[in-house]
Amino acid sequence: VHWESQDDMKQRFPGVEVVDALFCVDGDVATAAGGMSSMDMM
């Protein structure tokens, strides 16, 4: 998730392994930090 929301996500959703990366593809779910990282993910 975007770096500004990482701590919030870790606190609210402990069952999610939040990684500090541009993007992450885990099976059939992909997440990107935003901005140009969305293009990198695609």
All heavy atoms as atom14 arrays in JSON, in Angstrom:
{
  "sequence": "VHWESQDDMKQRFPGVEVVDALFCVDGDVATAAGGMSSMDMM",
  "atom14_mask": [
    [1, 1, 1, 1, 1, 1, 1, 0, 0, 0, 0, 0, 0, 0],
    [1, 1, 1, 1, 1, 1, 1, 1, 1, 1, 0, 0, 0, 0],
    [1, 1, 1, 1, 1, 1, 1, 1, 1, 1, 1, 1, 1, 1],
    [1, 1, 1, 1, 1, 1, 1, 1, 1, 0, 0, 0, 0, 0],
    [1, 1, 1, 1, 1, 1, 0, 0, 0, 0, 0, 0, 0, 0],
    [1, 1, 1, 1, 1, 1, 1, 1, 1, 0, 0, 0, 0, 0],
    [1, 1, 1, 1, 1, 1, 1, 1, 0, 0, 0, 0, 0, 0],
    [1, 1, 1, 1, 1, 1, 1, 1, 0, 0, 0, 0, 0, 0],
    [1, 1, 1, 1, 1, 1, 1, 1, 0, 0, 0, 0, 0, 0],
    [1, 1, 1, 1, 1, 1, 1, 1, 1, 0, 0, 0, 0, 0],
    [1, 1, 1, 1, 1, 1, 1, 1, 1, 0, 0, 0, 0, 0],
    [1, 1, 1, 1, 1, 1, 1, 1, 1, 1, 1, 0, 0, 0],
    [1, 1, 1, 1, 1, 1, 1, 1, 1, 1, 1, 0, 0, 0],
    [1, 1, 1, 1, 1, 1, 1, 0, 0, 0, 0, 0, 0, 0],
    [1, 1, 1, 1, 0, 0, 0, 0, 0, 0, 0, 0, 0, 0],
    [1, 1, 1, 1, 1, 1, 1, 0, 0, 0, 0, 0, 0, 0],
    [1, 1, 1, 1, 1, 1, 1, 1, 1, 0, 0, 0, 0, 0],
    [1, 1, 1, 1, 1, 1, 1, 0, 0, 0, 0, 0, 0, 0],
    [1, 1, 1, 1, 1, 1, 1, 0, 0, 0, 0, 0, 0, 0],
    [1, 1, 1, 1, 1, 1, 1, 1, 0, 0, 0, 0, 0, 0],
    [1, 1, 1, 1, 1, 0, 0, 0, 0, 0, 0, 0, 0, 0],
    [1, 1, 1, 1, 1, 1, 1, 1, 0, 0, 0, 0, 0, 0],
    [1, 1, 1, 1, 1, 1, 1, 1, 1, 1, 1, 0, 0, 0],
    [1, 1, 1, 1, 1, 1, 0, 0, 0, 0, 0, 0, 0, 0],
    [1, 1, 1, 1, 1, 1, 1, 0, 0, 0, 0, 0, 0, 0],
    [1, 1, 1, 1, 1, 1, 1, 1, 0, 0, 0, 0, 0, 0],
    [1, 1, 1, 1, 0, 0, 0, 0, 0, 0, 0, 0, 0, 0],
    [1, 1, 1, 1, 1, 1, 1, 1, 0, 0, 0, 0, 0, 0],
    [1, 1, 1, 1, 1, 1, 1, 0, 0, 0, 0, 0, 0, 0],
    [1, 1, 1, 1, 1, 0, 0, 0, 0, 0, 0, 0, 0, 0],
    [1, 1, 1, 1, 1, 1, 1, 0, 0, 0, 0, 0, 0, 0],
    [1, 1, 1, 1, 1, 0, 0, 0, 0, 0, 0, 0, 0, 0],
    [1, 1, 1, 1, 1, 0, 0, 0, 0, 0, 0, 0, 0, 0],
    [1, 1, 1, 1, 0, 0, 0, 0, 0, 0, 0, 0, 0, 0],
    [1, 1, 1, 1, 0, 0, 0, 0, 0, 0, 0, 0, 0, 0],
    [1, 1, 1, 1, 1, 1, 1, 1, 0, 0, 0, 0, 0, 0],
    [1, 1, 1, 1, 1, 1, 0, 0, 0, 0, 0, 0, 0, 0],
    [1, 1, 1, 1, 1, 1, 0, 0, 0, 0, 0, 0, 0, 0],
    [1, 1, 1, 1, 1, 1, 1, 1, 0, 0, 0, 0, 0, 0],
    [1, 1, 1, 1, 1, 1, 1, 1, 0, 0, 0, 0, 0, 0],
    [1, 1, 1, 1, 1, 1, 1, 1, 0, 0, 0, 0, 0, 0],
    [1, 1, 1, 1, 1, 1, 1, 1, 0, 0, 0, 0, 0, 0]
  ],
  "atom14_positions": [
    [[0.87, -1.17, 0.0], [0.0, 0.0, 0.0], [0.91, 1.22, 0.0], [2.11, 1.1, 0.3], [-0.94, -0.04, 1.24], [-0.17, 0.11, 2.53], [-2.07, 0.97, 1.14], [0.0, 0.0, 0.0], [0.0, 0.0, 0.0], [0.0, 0.0, 0.0], [0.0, 0.0, 0.0], [0.0, 0.0, 0.0], [0.0, 0.0, 0.0], [0.0, 0.0, 0.0]],
    [[0.39, 2.37, -0.34], [1.19, 3.59, -0.34], [1.88, 3.75, 1.01], [1.29, 3.46, 2.06], [0.29, 4.8, -0.62], [1.05, 6.05, -0.89], [1.51, 6.86, 0.13], [1.45, 6.62, -2.05], [2.15, 7.89, -0.4], [2.13, 7.76, -1.72], [0.0, 0.0, 0.0], [0.0, 0.0, 0.0], [0.0, 0.0, 0.0], [0.0, 0.0, 0.0]],
    [[3.12, 4.22, 1.0], [3.92, 4.28, 2.24], [3.24, 5.06, 3.34], [3.43, 4.77, 4.52], [5.32, 4.81, 1.96], [5.4, 6.21, 1.41], [5.46, 6.56, 0.09], [5.43, 7.43, 2.15], [5.53, 7.92, -0.04], [5.51, 8.49, 1.21], [5.4, 7.74, 3.49], [5.55, 9.83, 1.57], [5.44, 9.09, 3.87], [5.52, 10.1, 2.91]],
    [[2.41, 6.05, 3.0], [1.73, 6.83, 4.04], [0.68, 6.0, 4.78], [0.29, 6.37, 5.88], [1.07, 8.07, 3.45], [2.05, 9.12, 2.99], [1.37, 10.34, 2.43], [0.39, 10.2, 1.67], [1.81, 11.45, 2.74], [0.0, 0.0, 0.0], [0.0, 0.0, 0.0], [0.0, 0.0, 0.0], [0.0, 0.0, 0.0], [0.0, 0.0, 0.0]],
    [[0.22, 4.92, 4.19], [-0.84, 4.09, 4.79], [-0.33, 2.76, 5.34], [-1.12, 1.96, 5.85], [-1.92, 3.82, 3.74], [-2.5, 5.03, 3.31], [0.0, 0.0, 0.0], [0.0, 0.0, 0.0], [0.0, 0.0, 0.0], [0.0, 0.0, 0.0], [0.0, 0.0, 0.0], [0.0, 0.0, 0.0], [0.0, 0.0, 0.0], [0.0, 0.0, 0.0]],
    [[0.97, 2.5, 5.24], [1.49, 1.2, 5.68], [1.24, 0.92, 7.15], [0.78, -0.17, 7.51], [2.98, 1.09, 5.37], [3.27, 0.83, 3.92], [4.75, 0.75, 3.63], [5.6, 0.95, 4.5], [5.07, 0.44, 2.39], [0.0, 0.0, 0.0], [0.0, 0.0, 0.0], [0.0, 0.0, 0.0], [0.0, 0.0, 0.0], [0.0, 0.0, 0.0]],
    [[1.54, 1.87, 8.02], [1.34, 1.63, 9.46], [-0.14, 1.4, 9.77], [-0.47, 0.51, 10.56], [1.88, 2.8, 10.29], [3.39, 2.86, 10.29], [4.04, 1.82, 9.99], [3.94, 3.94, 10.59], [0.0, 0.0, 0.0], [0.0, 0.0, 0.0], [0.0, 0.0, 0.0], [0.0, 0.0, 0.0], [0.0, 0.0, 0.0], [0.0, 0.0, 0.0]],
    [[-1.02, 2.19, 9.16], [-2.46, 2.03, 9.37], [-2.91, 0.64, 8.95], [-3.65, -0.03, 9.67], [-3.21, 3.1, 8.56], [-4.71, 3.03, 8.74], [-5.17, 2.78, 9.88], [-5.44, 3.24, 7.75], [0.0, 0.0, 0.0], [0.0, 0.0, 0.0], [0.0, 0.0, 0.0], [0.0, 0.0, 0.0], [0.0, 0.0, 0.0], [0.0, 0.0, 0.0]],
    [[-2.44, 0.18, 7.8], [-2.84, -1.14, 7.3], [-2.33, -2.24, 8.23], [-3.06, -3.19, 8.51], [-2.34, -1.35, 5.88], [-2.91, -2.6, 5.23], [-2.76, -2.46, 3.45], [-3.19, -4.11, 2.96], [0.0, 0.0, 0.0], [0.0, 0.0, 0.0], [0.0, 0.0, 0.0], [0.0, 0.0, 0.0], [0.0, 0.0, 0.0], [0.0, 0.0, 0.0]],
    [[-1.08, -2.12, 8.69], [-0.53, -3.13, 9.6], [-1.35, -3.21, 10.89], [-1.6, -4.3, 11.39], [0.93, -2.82, 9.93], [1.88, -3.08, 8.79], [3.29, -2.63, 9.14], [4.23, -2.78, 7.95], [5.57, -2.25, 8.25], [0.0, 0.0, 0.0], [0.0, 0.0, 0.0], [0.0, 0.0, 0.0], [0.0, 0.0, 0.0], [0.0, 0.0, 0.0]],
    [[-1.76, -2.06, 11.41], [-2.53, -2.03, 12.65], [-3.93, -2.58, 12.47], [-4.4, -3.38, 13.27], [-2.64, -0.59, 13.19], [-1.49, -0.16, 14.04], [-1.76, 1.21, 14.64], [-2.42, 2.05, 14.04], [-1.25, 1.42, 15.83], [0.0, 0.0, 0.0], [0.0, 0.0, 0.0], [0.0, 0.0, 0.0], [0.0, 0.0, 0.0], [0.0, 0.0, 0.0]],
    [[-4.6, -2.15, 11.42], [-6.0, -2.52, 11.22], [-6.19, -3.94, 10.7], [-7.23, -4.55, 10.93], [-6.65, -1.53, 10.25], [-6.84, -0.16, 10.86], [-7.41, 0.86, 9.9], [-8.64, 0.42, 9.28], [-9.12, 0.91, 8.14], [-8.46, 1.86, 7.52], [-10.24, 0.48, 7.64], [0.0, 0.0, 0.0], [0.0, 0.0, 0.0], [0.0, 0.0, 0.0]],
    [[-5.19, -4.47, 9.99], [-5.34, -5.78, 9.35], [-4.12, -6.66, 9.63], [-3.29, -6.9, 8.75], [-5.55, -5.6, 7.84], [-6.68, -4.68, 7.51], [-6.44, -3.38, 7.08], [-8.0, -5.09, 7.66], [-7.48, -2.51, 6.79], [-9.05, -4.23, 7.37], [-8.79, -2.93, 6.93], [0.0, 0.0, 0.0], [0.0, 0.0, 0.0], [0.0, 0.0, 0.0]],
    [[-4.02, -7.16, 10.85], [-2.84, -7.97, 11.22], [-2.73, -9.28, 10.43], [-1.66, -9.87, 10.38], [-3.04, -8.24, 12.72], [-4.48, -8.0, 12.98], [-4.95, -7.0, 11.96], [0.0, 0.0, 0.0], [0.0, 0.0, 0.0], [0.0, 0.0, 0.0], [0.0, 0.0, 0.0], [0.0, 0.0, 0.0], [0.0, 0.0, 0.0], [0.0, 0.0, 0.0]],
    [[-3.8, -9.71, 9.79], [-3.76, -10.93, 8.99], [-3.18, -10.73, 7.6], [-3.07, -11.68, 6.82], [0.0, 0.0, 0.0], [0.0, 0.0, 0.0], [0.0, 0.0, 0.0], [0.0, 0.0, 0.0], [0.0, 0.0, 0.0], [0.0, 0.0, 0.0], [0.0, 0.0, 0.0], [0.0, 0.0, 0.0], [0.0, 0.0, 0.0], [0.0, 0.0, 0.0]],
    [[-2.79, -9.5, 7.29], [-2.19, -9.18, 5.99], [-0.7, -8.93, 6.21], [-0.32, -8.17, 7.09], [-2.84, -7.92, 5.37], [-2.17, -7.56, 4.05], [-4.34, -8.11, 5.19], [0.0, 0.0, 0.0], [0.0, 0.0, 0.0], [0.0, 0.0, 0.0], [0.0, 0.0, 0.0], [0.0, 0.0, 0.0], [0.0, 0.0, 0.0], [0.0, 0.0, 0.0]],
    [[0.13, -9.57, 5.41], [1.57, -9.31, 5.47], [1.86, -8.09, 4.59], [1.91, -8.2, 3.36], [2.37, -10.51, 4.99], [3.86, -10.31, 5.09], [4.67, -11.44, 4.48], [4.12, -12.54, 4.27], [5.86, -11.21, 4.21], [0.0, 0.0, 0.0], [0.0, 0.0, 0.0], [0.0, 0.0, 0.0], [0.0, 0.0, 0.0], [0.0, 0.0, 0.0]],
    [[2.0, -6.94, 5.22], [2.24, -5.69, 4.49], [3.73, -5.59, 4.17], [4.56, -5.63, 5.06], [1.78, -4.47, 5.31], [2.03, -3.18, 4.55], [0.3, -4.61, 5.68], [0.0, 0.0, 0.0], [0.0, 0.0, 0.0], [0.0, 0.0, 0.0], [0.0, 0.0, 0.0], [0.0, 0.0, 0.0], [0.0, 0.0, 0.0], [0.0, 0.0, 0.0]],
    [[4.03, -5.47, 2.88], [5.42, -5.38, 2.44], [5.7, -3.98, 1.9], [4.83, -3.35, 1.31], [5.76, -6.45, 1.38], [5.66, -7.85, 1.96], [4.87, -6.33, 0.16], [0.0, 0.0, 0.0], [0.0, 0.0, 0.0], [0.0, 0.0, 0.0], [0.0, 0.0, 0.0], [0.0, 0.0, 0.0], [0.0, 0.0, 0.0], [0.0, 0.0, 0.0]],
    [[6.91, -3.49, 2.14], [7.32, -2.19, 1.63], [7.91, -2.41, 0.25], [9.12, -2.58, 0.1], [8.34, -1.55, 2.58], [8.76, -0.16, 2.13], [8.01, 0.46, 1.36], [9.84, 0.3, 2.53], [0.0, 0.0, 0.0], [0.0, 0.0, 0.0], [0.0, 0.0, 0.0], [0.0, 0.0, 0.0], [0.0, 0.0, 0.0], [0.0, 0.0, 0.0]],
    [[7.04, -2.45, -0.72], [7.45, -2.72, -2.1], [6.65, -1.82, -3.04], [5.62, -1.27, -2.64], [7.21, -4.18, -2.44], [0.0, 0.0, 0.0], [0.0, 0.0, 0.0], [0.0, 0.0, 0.0], [0.0, 0.0, 0.0], [0.0, 0.0, 0.0], [0.0, 0.0, 0.0], [0.0, 0.0, 0.0], [0.0, 0.0, 0.0], [0.0, 0.0, 0.0]],
    [[7.11, -1.69, -4.27], [6.36, -0.92, -5.25], [5.04, -1.59, -5.57], [4.01, -0.93, -5.68], [7.17, -0.78, -6.54], [8.44, 0.06, -6.46], [9.18, 0.01, -7.79], [8.11, 1.49, -6.08], [0.0, 0.0, 0.0], [0.0, 0.0, 0.0], [0.0, 0.0, 0.0], [0.0, 0.0, 0.0], [0.0, 0.0, 0.0], [0.0, 0.0, 0.0]],
    [[5.07, -2.9, -5.74], [3.85, -3.65, -6.01], [4.04, -5.07, -5.51], [5.15, -5.49, -5.2], [3.49, -3.63, -7.5], [4.51, -4.27, -8.4], [4.44, -5.62, -8.73], [5.54, -3.52, -8.93], [5.37, -6.2, -9.56], [6.48, -4.09, -9.77], [6.4, -5.44, -10.09], [0.0, 0.0, 0.0], [0.0, 0.0, 0.0], [0.0, 0.0, 0.0]],
    [[2.94, -5.78, -5.43], [2.97, -7.16, -4.94], [1.86, -7.94, -5.65], [0.71, -7.5, -5.65], [2.76, -7.16, -3.43], [2.81, -8.8, -2.69], [0.0, 0.0, 0.0], [0.0, 0.0, 0.0], [0.0, 0.0, 0.0], [0.0, 0.0, 0.0], [0.0, 0.0, 0.0], [0.0, 0.0, 0.0], [0.0, 0.0, 0.0], [0.0, 0.0, 0.0]],
    [[2.21, -9.04, -6.25], [1.21, -9.92, -6.86], [1.23, -11.21, -6.06], [2.24, -11.91, -6.0], [1.52, -10.19, -8.35], [0.47, -11.1, -8.96], [1.61, -8.87, -9.13], [0.0, 0.0, 0.0], [0.0, 0.0, 0.0], [0.0, 0.0, 0.0], [0.0, 0.0, 0.0], [0.0, 0.0, 0.0], [0.0, 0.0, 0.0], [0.0, 0.0, 0.0]],
    [[0.11, -11.51, -5.41], [-0.02, -12.73, -4.61], [-1.21, -13.51, -5.15], [-2.36, -13.23, -4.82], [-0.23, -12.37, -3.13], [-0.17, -13.59, -2.22], [-0.22, -14.73, -2.73], [-0.07, -13.4, -1.0], [0.0, 0.0, 0.0], [0.0, 0.0, 0.0], [0.0, 0.0, 0.0], [0.0, 0.0, 0.0], [0.0, 0.0, 0.0], [0.0, 0.0, 0.0]],
    [[-0.9, -14.44, -6.01], [-1.96, -15.24, -6.62], [-2.83, -14.39, -7.53], [-2.33, -13.73, -8.44], [0.0, 0.0, 0.0], [0.0, 0.0, 0.0], [0.0, 0.0, 0.0], [0.0, 0.0, 0.0], [0.0, 0.0, 0.0], [0.0, 0.0, 0.0], [0.0, 0.0, 0.0], [0.0, 0.0, 0.0], [0.0, 0.0, 0.0], [0.0, 0.0, 0.0]],
    [[-4.13, -14.36, -7.23], [-5.06, -13.61, -8.08], [-5.38, -12.22, -7.53], [-6.36, -11.6, -7.91], [-6.34, -14.41, -8.29], [-7.05, -14.73, -6.98], [-6.49, -14.46, -5.91], [-8.18, -15.26, -7.04], [0.0, 0.0, 0.0], [0.0, 0.0, 0.0], [0.0, 0.0, 0.0], [0.0, 0.0, 0.0], [0.0, 0.0, 0.0], [0.0, 0.0, 0.0]],
    [[-4.54, -11.73, -6.63], [-4.71, -10.39, -6.08], [-3.39, -9.63, -6.22], [-2.34, -10.12, -5.83], [-5.15, -10.42, -4.59], [-5.28, -9.01, -4.04], [-6.46, -11.17, -4.43], [0.0, 0.0, 0.0], [0.0, 0.0, 0.0], [0.0, 0.0, 0.0], [0.0, 0.0, 0.0], [0.0, 0.0, 0.0], [0.0, 0.0, 0.0], [0.0, 0.0, 0.0]],
    [[-3.48, -8.43, -6.78], [-2.3, -7.59, -6.98], [-2.52, -6.25, -6.29], [-3.64, -5.73, -6.3], [-2.04, -7.38, -8.47], [0.0, 0.0, 0.0], [0.0, 0.0, 0.0], [0.0, 0.0, 0.0], [0.0, 0.0, 0.0], [0.0, 0.0, 0.0], [0.0, 0.0, 0.0], [0.0, 0.0, 0.0], [0.0, 0.0, 0.0], [0.0, 0.0, 0.0]],
    [[-1.47, -5.74, -5.69], [-1.55, -4.43, -5.04], [-0.35, -3.6, -5.46], [0.73, -4.13, -5.7], [-1.58, -4.57, -3.51], [-0.48, -5.37, -3.07], [-2.88, -5.2, -3.04], [0.0, 0.0, 0.0], [0.0, 0.0, 0.0], [0.0, 0.0, 0.0], [0.0, 0.0, 0.0], [0.0, 0.0, 0.0], [0.0, 0.0, 0.0], [0.0, 0.0, 0.0]],
    [[-0.56, -2.29, -5.56], [0.52, -1.38, -5.93], [0.45, -0.15, -5.04], [-0.63, 0.27, -4.61], [0.41, -0.97, -7.4], [0.0, 0.0, 0.0], [0.0, 0.0, 0.0], [0.0, 0.0, 0.0], [0.0, 0.0, 0.0], [0.0, 0.0, 0.0], [0.0, 0.0, 0.0], [0.0, 0.0, 0.0], [0.0, 0.0, 0.0], [0.0, 0.0, 0.0]],
    [[1.6, 0.44, -4.79], [1.69, 1.59, -3.89], [1.06, 2.85, -4.48], [0.74, 3.77, -3.76], [3.15, 1.85, -3.54], [0.0, 0.0, 0.0], [0.0, 0.0, 0.0], [0.0, 0.0, 0.0], [0.0, 0.0, 0.0], [0.0, 0.0, 0.0], [0.0, 0.0, 0.0], [0.0, 0.0, 0.0], [0.0, 0.0, 0.0], [0.0, 0.0, 0.0]],
    [[0.86, 2.88, -5.78], [0.26, 4.04, -6.42], [1.24, 4.72, -7.36], [2.39, 4.32, -7.48], [0.0, 0.0, 0.0], [0.0, 0.0, 0.0], [0.0, 0.0, 0.0], [0.0, 0.0, 0.0], [0.0, 0.0, 0.0], [0.0, 0.0, 0.0], [0.0, 0.0, 0.0], [0.0, 0.0, 0.0], [0.0, 0.0, 0.0], [0.0, 0.0, 0.0]],
    [[0.77, 5.74, -8.02], [1.61, 6.47, -8.96], [2.2, 5.56, -10.02], [1.52, 4.68, -10.57], [0.0, 0.0, 0.0], [0.0, 0.0, 0.0], [0.0, 0.0, 0.0], [0.0, 0.0, 0.0], [0.0, 0.0, 0.0], [0.0, 0.0, 0.0], [0.0, 0.0, 0.0], [0.0, 0.0, 0.0], [0.0, 0.0, 0.0], [0.0, 0.0, 0.0]],
    [[3.47, 5.7, -10.29], [4.13, 4.92, -11.33], [4.29, 3.46, -10.97], [4.49, 2.62, -11.84], [5.49, 5.53, -11.68], [5.39, 6.88, -12.37], [4.3, 6.88, -13.83], [5.18, 5.78, -14.9], [0.0, 0.0, 0.0], [0.0, 0.0, 0.0], [0.0, 0.0, 0.0], [0.0, 0.0, 0.0], [0.0, 0.0, 0.0], [0.0, 0.0, 0.0]],
    [[4.17, 3.12, -9.68], [4.26, 1.71, -9.31], [3.12, 0.9, -9.91], [3.25, -0.3, -10.13], [4.3, 1.54, -7.79], [3.04, 1.83, -7.21], [0.0, 0.0, 0.0], [0.0, 0.0, 0.0], [0.0, 0.0, 0.0], [0.0, 0.0, 0.0], [0.0, 0.0, 0.0], [0.0, 0.0, 0.0], [0.0, 0.0, 0.0], [0.0, 0.0, 0.0]],
    [[2.01, 1.56, -10.2], [0.88, 0.89, -10.86], [1.3, 0.42, -12.26], [0.96, -0.68, -12.68], [-0.31, 1.83, -10.98], [-0.63, 2.38, -9.73], [0.0, 0.0, 0.0], [0.0, 0.0, 0.0], [0.0, 0.0, 0.0], [0.0, 0.0, 0.0], [0.0, 0.0, 0.0], [0.0, 0.0, 0.0], [0.0, 0.0, 0.0], [0.0, 0.0, 0.0]],
    [[2.05, 1.28, -12.95], [2.56, 0.92, -14.27], [3.57, -0.22, -14.16], [3.55, -1.15, -14.95], [3.2, 2.13, -14.95], [3.84, 1.81, -16.28], [2.67, 1.27, -17.53], [2.5, 2.76, -18.45], [0.0, 0.0, 0.0], [0.0, 0.0, 0.0], [0.0, 0.0, 0.0], [0.0, 0.0, 0.0], [0.0, 0.0, 0.0], [0.0, 0.0, 0.0]],
    [[4.44, -0.15, -13.15], [5.41, -1.23, -12.94], [4.7, -2.56, -12.7], [5.11, -3.59, -13.22], [6.32, -0.9, -11.76], [7.23, 0.28, -12.03], [7.94, 0.25, -13.06], [7.25, 1.22, -11.23], [0.0, 0.0, 0.0], [0.0, 0.0, 0.0], [0.0, 0.0, 0.0], [0.0, 0.0, 0.0], [0.0, 0.0, 0.0], [0.0, 0.0, 0.0]],
    [[3.61, -2.52, -11.91], [2.85, -3.74, -11.64], [2.24, -4.3, -12.93], [2.33, -5.49, -13.21], [1.74, -3.47, -10.62], [0.88, -4.69, -10.32], [-0.4, -4.36, -9.09], [-1.52, -3.3, -10.01], [0.0, 0.0, 0.0], [0.0, 0.0, 0.0], [0.0, 0.0, 0.0], [0.0, 0.0, 0.0], [0.0, 0.0, 0.0], [0.0, 0.0, 0.0]],
    [[1.66, -3.43, -13.72], [1.05, -3.89, -14.97], [2.1, -4.44, -15.92], [1.87, -5.45, -16.58], [0.27, -2.75, -15.63], [-0.97, -2.33, -14.85], [-2.04, -3.71, -14.37], [-2.44, -4.45, -15.91], [0.0, 0.0, 0.0], [0.0, 0.0, 0.0], [0.0, 0.0, 0.0], [0.0, 0.0, 0.0], [0.0, 0.0, 0.0], [0.0, 0.0, 0.0]]
  ]
}
